[in-house]
Amino acid sequence: MFFSNTRLNGLKLAAVLGISLQSAPALAEVEIFTEGNSKLLAWKAQHPGFSLQFIQLLPDYIRAIYSARGLQPDVVELMASYCVFGTIIKNESDKELAYRVADWRYVTNDGKSNPVKTKTQWLEEWEKLGVAFRWSLLPDDQSFAPGDWSQGFTTLPLPPDETFDLHYSWTLEGKTHEATIKDLRCAPATQP
């Protein structure tokens, strides 16, 4: 790796002082595409050994999913009021990989950083409402063997068409990696 003298001197100084130089999260290599015939958008962040995909889901689709499972109307409307993405996580490496949703943050256009609501938080809220349903949400944290994958809903309390940046992390071979997807967009209120 090539360093300028200024950068190299800074690294030497940091080493002498015992300072850890930690860089900001990397911007992910992101492919944005239209998902099937729906005209909804999907984002796929590709990293060495790891991929993460977010697919916009319409509020009416969320209503249909939860209504079909017999959830009470107020819970169905609560879920439909959120910005929801179908999320797919894949371990494409030959090592163990893990993630933890509680470590993820979304940053709104006003610069405010917010935690992503976890499945455990949803289940606690649903239990108070008398709901005994566990299906659909992205698991809070998982460890994957090579080739494993998982999917579920990721939810954010944002309105339709809102854009935000998502900061996420994962662990591969005991090393934590961080990245950012810029300008994710919540699904529109109705079919485009």
C-alpha atoms as a PDB file:
ATOM      1  CA  MET A   1       0.000   0.000   0.000  1.00  0.00           C
ATOM      2  CA  PHE A   2       1.297   3.439  -0.890  1.00  0.00           C
ATOM      3  CA  PHE A   3       1.150   6.256   1.687  1.00  0.00           C
ATOM      4  CA  SER A   4       2.170   9.861   1.295  1.00  0.00           C
ATOM      5  CA  ASN A   5       4.808  11.105   3.728  1.00  0.00           C
ATOM      6  CA  THR A   6       2.191  13.083   5.636  1.00  0.00           C
ATOM      7  CA  ARG A   7      -0.053  10.020   5.976  1.00  0.00           C
ATOM      8  CA  LEU A   8       2.894   7.783   6.909  1.00  0.00           C
ATOM      9  CA  ASN A   9       4.135  10.273   9.528  1.00  0.00           C
ATOM     10  CA  GLY A  10       0.616  10.449  10.953  1.00  0.00           C
ATOM     11  CA  LEU A  11       0.514   6.647  11.204  1.00  0.00           C
ATOM     12  CA  LYS A  12       3.905   6.601  12.964  1.00  0.00           C
ATOM     13  CA  LEU A  13       2.776   9.317  15.391  1.00  0.00           C
ATOM     14  CA  ALA A  14      -0.443   7.431  16.130  1.00  0.00           C
ATOM     15  CA  ALA A  15       1.532   4.228  16.777  1.00  0.00           C
ATOM     16  CA  VAL A  16       3.929   6.040  19.132  1.00  0.00           C
ATOM     17  CA  LEU A  17       1.042   7.639  21.037  1.00  0.00           C
ATOM     18  CA  GLY A  18      -0.957   4.403  21.124  1.00  0.00           C
ATOM     19  CA  ILE A  19      -3.862   5.946  19.242  1.00  0.00           C
ATOM     20  CA  SER A  20      -6.121   3.702  17.237  1.00  0.00           C
ATOM     21  CA  LEU A  21      -6.867   5.114  13.813  1.00  0.00           C
ATOM     22  CA  GLN A  22     -10.305   3.897  12.911  1.00  0.00           C
ATOM     23  CA  SER A  23     -11.744   5.008   9.634  1.00  0.00           C
ATOM     24  CA  ALA A  24     -15.349   5.939   9.014  1.00  0.00           C
ATOM     25  CA  PRO A  25     -17.662   3.274   7.629  1.00  0.00           C
ATOM     26  CA  ALA A  26     -17.023   2.525   3.985  1.00  0.00           C
ATOM     27  CA  LEU A  27     -19.580   3.274   1.329  1.00  0.00           C
ATOM     28  CA  ALA A  28     -20.846  -0.033   0.019  1.00  0.00           C
ATOM     29  CA  GLU A  29     -20.681  -1.104  -3.595  1.00  0.00           C
ATOM     30  CA  VAL A  30     -24.439  -0.922  -4.156  1.00  0.00           C
ATOM     31  CA  GLU A  31     -26.509  -2.076  -7.087  1.00  0.00           C
ATOM     32  CA  ILE A  32     -29.923  -0.403  -7.351  1.00  0.00           C
ATOM     33  CA  PHE A  33     -32.511  -2.133  -9.487  1.00  0.00           C
ATOM     34  CA  THR A  34     -36.235  -2.546 -10.032  1.00  0.00           C
ATOM     35  CA  GLU A  35     -37.635  -5.652  -8.399  1.00  0.00           C
ATOM     36  CA  GLY A  36     -39.689  -7.770 -10.835  1.00  0.00           C
ATOM     37  CA  ASN A  37     -42.853  -6.269 -12.286  1.00  0.00           C
ATOM     38  CA  SER A  38     -43.630  -4.257  -9.151  1.00  0.00           C
ATOM     39  CA  LYS A  39     -41.530  -1.229 -10.213  1.00  0.00           C
ATOM     40  CA  LEU A  40     -40.342  -1.065  -6.599  1.00  0.00           C
ATOM     41  CA  LEU A  41     -36.668  -0.479  -5.903  1.00  0.00           C
ATOM     42  CA  ALA A  42     -34.125  -2.819  -4.375  1.00  0.00           C
ATOM     43  CA  TRP A  43     -30.585  -2.151  -3.166  1.00  0.00           C
ATOM     44  CA  LYS A  44     -27.923  -4.849  -2.983  1.00  0.00           C
ATOM     45  CA  ALA A  45     -24.715  -4.058  -1.104  1.00  0.00           C
ATOM     46  CA  GLN A  46     -21.920  -6.421  -2.062  1.00  0.00           C
ATOM     47  CA  HIS A  47     -18.841  -6.910   0.099  1.00  0.00           C
ATOM     48  CA  PRO A  48     -16.148  -9.593   0.018  1.00  0.00           C
ATOM     49  CA  GLY A  49     -17.927 -12.646   1.440  1.00  0.00           C
ATOM     50  CA  PHE A  50     -21.120 -10.794   2.428  1.00  0.00           C
ATOM     51  CA  SER A  51     -24.178  -9.351   0.718  1.00  0.00           C
ATOM     52  CA  LEU A  52     -27.139  -7.437   2.063  1.00  0.00           C
ATOM     53  CA  GLN A  53     -30.261  -6.636   0.052  1.00  0.00           C
ATOM     54  CA  PHE A  54     -33.171  -4.294   0.824  1.00  0.00           C
ATOM     55  CA  ILE A  55     -36.416  -4.464  -1.198  1.00  0.00           C
ATOM     56  CA  GLN A  56     -39.114  -1.796  -0.842  1.00  0.00           C
ATOM     57  CA  LEU A  57     -42.454  -3.147   0.421  1.00  0.00           C
ATOM     58  CA  LEU A  58     -45.698  -1.221  -0.071  1.00  0.00           C
ATOM     59  CA  PRO A  59     -47.916  -0.465   2.949  1.00  0.00           C
ATOM     60  CA  ASP A  60     -50.761  -2.418   1.277  1.00  0.00           C
ATOM     61  CA  TYR A  61     -48.485  -5.450   0.957  1.00  0.00           C
ATOM     62  CA  ILE A  62     -47.671  -5.226   4.673  1.00  0.00           C
ATOM     63  CA  ARG A  63     -51.403  -4.951   5.440  1.00  0.00           C
ATOM     64  CA  ALA A  64     -52.082  -8.048   3.355  1.00  0.00           C
ATOM     65  CA  ILE A  65     -49.292 -10.076   5.009  1.00  0.00           C
ATOM     66  CA  TYR A  66     -50.366  -9.307   8.579  1.00  0.00           C
ATOM     67  CA  SER A  67     -54.117  -9.390   7.921  1.00  0.00           C
ATOM     68  CA  ALA A  68     -53.763 -12.840   6.353  1.00  0.00           C
ATOM     69  CA  ARG A  69     -52.106 -14.030   9.583  1.00  0.00           C
ATOM     70  CA  GLY A  70     -55.078 -12.877  11.645  1.00  0.00           C
ATOM     71  CA  LEU A  71     -53.435  -9.967  13.413  1.00  0.00           C
ATOM     72  CA  GLN A  72     -55.823  -7.401  14.826  1.00  0.00           C
ATOM     73  CA  PRO A  73     -56.484  -4.303  12.688  1.00  0.00           C
ATOM     74  CA  ASP A  74     -54.609  -1.877  14.971  1.00  0.00           C
ATOM     75  CA  VAL A  75     -51.456  -4.027  14.757  1.00  0.00           C
ATOM     76  CA  VAL A  76     -51.845  -4.343  10.977  1.00  0.00           C
ATOM     77  CA  GLU A  77     -52.085  -0.545  10.643  1.00  0.00           C
ATOM     78  CA  LEU A  78     -49.151  -0.023  12.998  1.00  0.00           C
ATOM     79  CA  MET A  79     -46.958  -2.226  10.810  1.00  0.00           C
ATOM     80  CA  ALA A  80     -48.225  -0.592   7.595  1.00  0.00           C
ATOM     81  CA  SER A  81     -47.329   2.835   9.012  1.00  0.00           C
ATOM     82  CA  TYR A  82     -43.634   1.858   9.057  1.00  0.00           C
ATOM     83  CA  CYS A  83     -41.135   1.969   6.218  1.00  0.00           C
ATOM     84  CA  VAL A  84     -40.599  -1.766   5.611  1.00  0.00           C
ATOM     85  CA  PHE A  85     -37.971  -3.520   3.531  1.00  0.00           C
ATOM     86  CA  GLY A  86     -37.681  -7.162   2.684  1.00  0.00           C
ATOM     87  CA  THR A  87     -34.104  -7.910   3.726  1.00  0.00           C
ATOM     88  CA  ILE A  88     -31.838 -10.734   2.554  1.00  0.00           C
ATOM     89  CA  ILE A  89     -28.444 -11.393   4.146  1.00  0.00           C
ATOM     90  CA  LYS A  90     -25.994 -13.911   2.674  1.00  0.00           C
ATOM     91  CA  ASN A  91     -22.676 -15.328   3.808  1.00  0.00           C
ATOM     92  CA  GLU A  92     -20.770 -15.735   0.558  1.00  0.00           C
ATOM     93  CA  SER A  93     -17.453 -16.479   2.266  1.00  0.00           C
ATOM     94  CA  ASP A  94     -15.834 -19.696   3.418  1.00  0.00           C
ATOM     95  CA  LYS A  95     -15.744 -18.454   7.055  1.00  0.00           C
ATOM     96  CA  GLU A  96     -18.327 -17.839   9.785  1.00  0.00           C
ATOM     97  CA  LEU A  97     -20.148 -14.516   9.488  1.00  0.00           C
ATOM     98  CA  ALA A  98     -22.415 -12.712  11.975  1.00  0.00           C
ATOM     99  CA  TYR A  99     -24.499  -9.544  12.204  1.00  0.00           C
ATOM    100  CA  ARG A 100     -26.417  -7.695  14.926  1.00  0.00           C
ATOM    101  CA  VAL A 101     -29.318  -5.379  14.013  1.00  0.00           C
ATOM    102  CA  ALA A 102     -28.978  -3.543  17.356  1.00  0.00           C
ATOM    103  CA  ASP A 103     -25.670  -2.149  16.031  1.00  0.00           C
ATOM    104  CA  TRP A 104     -27.255  -0.726  12.870  1.00  0.00           C
ATOM    105  CA  ARG A 105     -28.275   2.942  12.579  1.00  0.00           C
ATOM    106  CA  TYR A 106     -30.257   4.948  10.079  1.00  0.00           C
ATOM    107  CA  VAL A 107     -29.556   8.630   9.557  1.00  0.00           C
ATOM    108  CA  THR A 108     -32.407  10.868   8.475  1.00  0.00           C
ATOM    109  CA  ASN A 109     -32.086  13.927   6.252  1.00  0.00           C
ATOM    110  CA  ASP A 110     -31.797  16.180   9.330  1.00  0.00           C
ATOM    111  CA  GLY A 111     -28.606  14.293  10.298  1.00  0.00           C
ATOM    112  CA  LYS A 112     -30.160  12.491  13.275  1.00  0.00           C
ATOM    113  CA  SER A 113     -28.864   8.945  13.897  1.00  0.00           C
ATOM    114  CA  ASN A 114     -31.443   6.413  15.085  1.00  0.00           C
ATOM    115  CA  PRO A 115     -31.299   2.727  16.049  1.00  0.00           C
ATOM    116  CA  VAL A 116     -33.067   0.200  13.826  1.00  0.00           C
ATOM    117  CA  LYS A 117     -35.945  -1.456  15.690  1.00  0.00           C
ATOM    118  CA  THR A 118     -35.152  -5.111  16.387  1.00  0.00           C
ATOM    119  CA  LYS A 119     -37.335  -8.200  16.211  1.00  0.00           C
ATOM    120  CA  THR A 120     -37.098  -8.555  20.002  1.00  0.00           C
ATOM    121  CA  GLN A 121     -38.433  -5.014  20.452  1.00  0.00           C
ATOM    122  CA  TRP A 122     -41.326  -5.759  18.088  1.00  0.00           C
ATOM    123  CA  LEU A 123     -42.155  -9.031  19.858  1.00  0.00           C
ATOM    124  CA  GLU A 124     -42.225  -7.279  23.249  1.00  0.00           C
ATOM    125  CA  GLU A 125     -44.564  -4.624  21.824  1.00  0.00           C
ATOM    126  CA  TRP A 126     -46.777  -7.219  20.141  1.00  0.00           C
ATOM    127  CA  GLU A 127     -46.997  -9.296  23.336  1.00  0.00           C
ATOM    128  CA  LYS A 128     -48.398  -6.260  25.186  1.00  0.00           C
ATOM    129  CA  LEU A 129     -51.045  -6.028  22.434  1.00  0.00           C
ATOM    130  CA  GLY A 130     -51.936  -9.713  22.812  1.00  0.00           C
ATOM    131  CA  VAL A 131     -50.198 -10.835  19.622  1.00  0.00           C
ATOM    132  CA  ALA A 132     -48.441 -14.208  19.681  1.00  0.00           C
ATOM    133  CA  PHE A 133     -46.981 -13.938  16.180  1.00  0.00           C
ATOM    134  CA  ARG A 134     -43.226 -14.284  15.542  1.00  0.00           C
ATOM    135  CA  TRP A 135     -42.896 -14.703  11.775  1.00  0.00           C
ATOM    136  CA  SER A 136     -41.695 -12.131   9.206  1.00  0.00           C
ATOM    137  CA  LEU A 137     -39.121  -9.939  10.948  1.00  0.00           C
ATOM    138  CA  LEU A 138     -35.381 -10.101  10.348  1.00  0.00           C
ATOM    139  CA  PRO A 139     -33.759 -11.903  13.305  1.00  0.00           C
ATOM    140  CA  ASP A 140     -31.909  -9.604  15.739  1.00  0.00           C
ATOM    141  CA  ASP A 141     -28.595 -11.333  15.279  1.00  0.00           C
ATOM    142  CA  GLN A 142     -27.360 -14.444  13.583  1.00  0.00           C
ATOM    143  CA  SER A 143     -24.205 -16.385  12.911  1.00  0.00           C
ATOM    144  CA  PHE A 144     -23.906 -17.970   9.497  1.00  0.00           C
ATOM    145  CA  ALA A 145     -21.856 -20.892   8.283  1.00  0.00           C
ATOM    146  CA  PRO A 146     -20.435 -20.526   4.773  1.00  0.00           C
ATOM    147  CA  GLY A 147     -23.273 -20.373   2.240  1.00  0.00           C
ATOM    148  CA  ASP A 148     -26.002 -19.649   4.832  1.00  0.00           C
ATOM    149  CA  TRP A 149     -28.510 -16.869   4.345  1.00  0.00           C
ATOM    150  CA  SER A 150     -31.506 -15.319   6.099  1.00  0.00           C
ATOM    151  CA  GLN A 151     -34.363 -13.007   5.311  1.00  0.00           C
ATOM    152  CA  GLY A 152     -37.038 -10.956   7.060  1.00  0.00           C
ATOM    153  CA  PHE A 153     -38.520  -7.480   7.328  1.00  0.00           C
ATOM    154  CA  THR A 154     -36.490  -4.471   8.447  1.00  0.00           C
ATOM    155  CA  THR A 155     -38.707  -1.674   9.809  1.00  0.00           C
ATOM    156  CA  LEU A 156     -38.106   2.046  10.268  1.00  0.00           C
ATOM    157  CA  PRO A 157     -40.592   4.637  11.605  1.00  0.00           C
ATOM    158  CA  LEU A 158     -40.401   6.770   8.457  1.00  0.00           C
ATOM    159  CA  PRO A 159     -43.057   7.979   5.999  1.00  0.00           C
ATOM    160  CA  PRO A 160     -43.442   6.764   2.407  1.00  0.00           C
ATOM    161  CA  ASP A 161     -40.769   7.972  -0.056  1.00  0.00           C
ATOM    162  CA  GLU A 162     -38.461   9.175   2.761  1.00  0.00           C
ATOM    163  CA  THR A 163     -34.736   8.805   2.055  1.00  0.00           C
ATOM    164  CA  PHE A 164     -32.070   7.980   4.643  1.00  0.00           C
ATOM    165  CA  ASP A 165     -28.587   6.508   4.989  1.00  0.00           C
ATOM    166  CA  LEU A 166     -28.155   3.098   6.613  1.00  0.00           C
ATOM    167  CA  HIS A 167     -25.027   2.338   8.642  1.00  0.00           C
ATOM    168  CA  TYR A 168     -24.627  -1.391   9.224  1.00  0.00           C
ATOM    169  CA  SER A 169     -21.988  -3.804  10.395  1.00  0.00           C
ATOM    170  CA  TRP A 170     -21.097  -7.479  10.289  1.00  0.00           C
ATOM    171  CA  THR A 171     -18.347  -9.689  11.656  1.00  0.00           C
ATOM    172  CA  LEU A 172     -16.237 -12.001   9.519  1.00  0.00           C
ATOM    173  CA  GLU A 173     -13.359 -14.045  10.965  1.00  0.00           C
ATOM    174  CA  GLY A 174     -13.667 -12.148  14.243  1.00  0.00           C
ATOM    175  CA  LYS A 175     -13.229  -8.743  12.557  1.00  0.00           C
ATOM    176  CA  THR A 176     -16.049  -6.207  12.555  1.00  0.00           C
ATOM    177  CA  HIS A 177     -16.715  -4.394   9.275  1.00  0.00           C
ATOM    178  CA  GLU A 178     -18.875  -1.311   8.814  1.00  0.00           C
ATOM    179  CA  ALA A 179     -20.444   0.209   5.731  1.00  0.00           C
ATOM    180  CA  THR A 180     -23.091   2.688   4.657  1.00  0.00           C
ATOM    181  CA  ILE A 181     -25.772   2.587   1.994  1.00  0.00           C
ATOM    182  CA  LYS A 182     -26.585   6.161   1.027  1.00  0.00           C
ATOM    183  CA  ASP A 183     -30.042   7.336  -0.012  1.00  0.00           C
ATOM    184  CA  LEU A 184     -32.155   4.272   0.684  1.00  0.00           C
ATOM    185  CA  ARG A 185     -35.771   5.208  -0.046  1.00  0.00           C
ATOM    186  CA  CYS A 186     -38.899   3.971   1.683  1.00  0.00           C
ATOM    187  CA  ALA A 187     -41.566   2.553  -0.607  1.00  0.00           C
ATOM    188  CA  PRO A 188     -44.158   4.938  -1.973  1.00  0.00           C
ATOM    189  CA  ALA A 189     -47.596   4.988  -0.325  1.00  0.00           C
ATOM    190  CA  THR A 190     -49.133   3.255  -3.339  1.00  0.00           C
ATOM    191  CA  GLN A 191     -48.017   1.136  -6.302  1.00  0.00           C
ATOM    192  CA  PRO A 192     -45.933   3.206  -8.765  1.00  0.00           C
END
